[in-house]
Amino acid sequence: MIAARLAMTAGLGLALAACAGPGKPAPARAPAAAAPPRSTIVVVPQVMAPQGLVGVIGSPPAALLSRFGTPRLDVAEGDARKLQFAGSACVLDIYLYPLAAAAEPTATHVEARLRQGGAPADPAACIREVEGR
């Protein structure tokens, strides 16, 4: 009986202490550590066949930017990168991945879609349109 009362009193004390309001401020957290070095493990992506995509598939980012200009989107995720260019009728997404450890990402996949409705478009025709803008 006494043990039960002691336990109940201790529990009540803890509950009241939690409601007492702010105490000391929490200690400042240390700044986040720098990003870890790039992994030397690379999963080689499947590279799209270059039919109609010659000069795009296998190109590094600098060559694509030189050819198509400023991208509408430039998204990096880890070692991968996506460049998006837009013409008047289509949107061109170019995906770049490194093909070896510590290598610069190169274009391995291309997707094209219509701006109106988002239906798939011919990538080669979209490349020509984006080049001509």
Protein backbone atom coordinates (compact mmCIF):
# COMPACT_ATOMS: atom_id res chain seq x y z
CA MET A 1 0.00 0.00 0.00
CA ILE A 2 2.77 2.43 0.93
CA ALA A 3 4.73 1.49 -2.20
CA ALA A 4 1.68 2.19 -4.36
CA ARG A 5 1.20 5.64 -2.77
CA LEU A 6 4.88 6.47 -3.27
CA ALA A 7 4.70 5.45 -6.92
CA MET A 8 1.54 7.51 -7.40
CA THR A 9 3.08 10.54 -5.70
CA ALA A 10 6.23 10.26 -7.82
CA GLY A 11 4.14 9.99 -11.01
CA LEU A 12 2.07 13.02 -10.03
CA GLY A 13 5.24 14.99 -9.31
CA LEU A 14 6.64 14.17 -12.76
CA ALA A 15 3.38 15.15 -14.43
CA LEU A 16 3.28 18.50 -12.59
CA ALA A 17 6.94 19.18 -13.41
CA ALA A 18 6.18 18.69 -17.11
CA CYS A 19 3.44 21.33 -16.90
CA ALA A 20 5.55 23.84 -14.99
CA GLY A 21 6.60 25.72 -18.12
CA PRO A 22 9.92 26.39 -19.75
CA GLY A 23 13.05 25.68 -17.84
CA LYS A 24 16.55 26.17 -19.11
CA PRO A 25 16.79 26.58 -22.88
CA ALA A 26 17.97 23.50 -24.73
CA PRO A 27 21.68 23.53 -25.48
CA ALA A 28 22.56 24.75 -28.95
CA ARG A 29 23.10 21.98 -31.45
CA ALA A 30 26.38 21.67 -33.21
CA PRO A 31 26.29 22.73 -36.86
CA ALA A 32 25.59 19.95 -39.34
CA ALA A 33 28.65 18.16 -40.57
CA ALA A 34 29.83 18.71 -44.12
CA ALA A 35 28.35 16.44 -46.76
CA PRO A 36 30.01 13.06 -46.87
CA PRO A 37 32.34 12.40 -49.79
CA ARG A 38 30.81 11.00 -52.96
CA SER A 39 30.43 7.28 -53.02
CA THR A 40 32.81 5.28 -55.11
CA ILE A 41 30.05 2.75 -55.76
CA VAL A 42 28.28 3.47 -59.02
CA VAL A 43 25.30 1.66 -60.45
CA VAL A 44 25.71 2.17 -64.18
CA PRO A 45 22.38 3.31 -65.64
CA GLN A 46 20.93 1.92 -68.83
CA VAL A 47 21.84 4.35 -71.61
CA MET A 48 19.09 5.15 -74.10
CA ALA A 49 19.77 4.29 -77.75
CA PRO A 50 20.87 7.43 -79.61
CA GLN A 51 18.60 7.05 -82.70
CA GLY A 52 17.31 10.56 -83.32
CA LEU A 53 19.14 11.73 -80.21
CA VAL A 54 22.67 11.97 -81.62
CA GLY A 55 24.57 14.74 -79.88
CA VAL A 56 22.37 14.55 -76.78
CA ILE A 57 22.87 11.02 -75.42
CA GLY A 58 26.38 10.86 -73.98
CA SER A 59 26.80 14.64 -73.78
CA PRO A 60 28.05 16.33 -70.60
CA PRO A 61 26.08 19.22 -69.05
CA ALA A 62 28.30 21.94 -70.58
CA ALA A 63 27.61 20.68 -74.12
CA LEU A 64 23.86 20.54 -73.48
CA LEU A 65 23.79 24.05 -72.01
CA SER A 66 25.79 25.33 -74.96
CA ARG A 67 23.40 23.67 -77.41
CA PHE A 68 20.04 24.43 -75.74
CA GLY A 69 20.75 27.53 -73.61
CA THR A 70 19.54 28.12 -70.08
CA PRO A 71 17.38 25.26 -68.79
CA ARG A 72 13.92 25.84 -67.43
CA LEU A 73 14.86 23.50 -64.55
CA ASP A 74 18.23 22.22 -63.34
CA VAL A 75 17.72 19.67 -60.58
CA ALA A 76 20.54 17.76 -58.88
CA GLU A 77 19.94 14.71 -56.71
CA GLY A 78 23.08 13.04 -55.47
CA ASP A 79 25.26 12.32 -58.49
CA ALA A 80 22.30 12.53 -60.89
CA ARG A 81 21.02 15.65 -62.65
CA LYS A 82 17.95 16.60 -64.68
CA LEU A 83 17.93 19.45 -67.17
CA GLN A 84 14.56 20.60 -68.51
CA PHE A 85 14.19 22.75 -71.61
CA ALA A 86 10.94 24.04 -73.11
CA GLY A 87 9.94 24.97 -76.61
CA SER A 88 6.66 26.51 -77.67
CA ALA A 89 4.91 23.14 -78.03
CA CYS A 90 7.00 20.65 -76.03
CA VAL A 91 9.03 20.10 -72.88
CA LEU A 92 12.33 18.19 -73.05
CA ASP A 93 13.75 16.42 -69.98
CA ILE A 94 17.36 15.22 -70.17
CA TYR A 95 18.59 12.93 -67.38
CA LEU A 96 22.32 12.78 -66.64
CA TYR A 97 24.09 10.10 -64.61
CA PRO A 98 27.78 9.32 -64.01
CA LEU A 99 28.87 6.19 -65.89
CA ALA A 100 31.85 5.51 -63.59
CA ALA A 101 32.94 6.40 -60.07
CA ALA A 102 33.70 10.14 -59.72
CA ALA A 103 32.89 10.72 -63.42
CA GLU A 104 30.96 13.75 -64.64
CA PRO A 105 27.31 12.91 -65.31
CA THR A 106 26.39 12.53 -68.98
CA ALA A 107 23.01 12.39 -70.71
CA THR A 108 21.68 8.85 -70.55
CA HIS A 109 17.92 9.31 -71.03
CA VAL A 110 15.61 11.79 -72.76
CA GLU A 111 11.86 12.29 -72.41
CA ALA A 112 9.63 14.71 -74.33
CA ARG A 113 6.02 15.72 -73.82
CA LEU A 114 3.56 18.24 -75.16
CA ARG A 115 3.15 21.41 -73.10
CA GLN A 116 -0.62 21.22 -73.52
CA GLY A 117 -1.92 18.08 -71.82
CA GLY A 118 1.45 16.42 -71.23
CA ALA A 119 1.04 13.65 -73.83
CA PRO A 120 4.29 11.99 -74.95
CA ALA A 121 6.03 13.78 -77.84
CA ASP A 122 8.71 12.74 -80.31
CA PRO A 123 12.04 13.46 -78.55
CA ALA A 124 13.91 14.19 -81.82
CA ALA A 125 11.25 16.70 -82.93
CA CYS A 126 11.28 18.32 -79.49
CA ILE A 127 15.08 18.59 -79.61
CA ARG A 128 14.85 20.40 -82.95
CA GLU A 129 12.17 22.72 -81.57
CA VAL A 130 14.13 23.57 -78.41
CA GLU A 131 17.30 24.16 -80.46
CA GLY A 132 15.44 26.59 -82.73
CA ARG A 133 14.00 28.82 -80.03
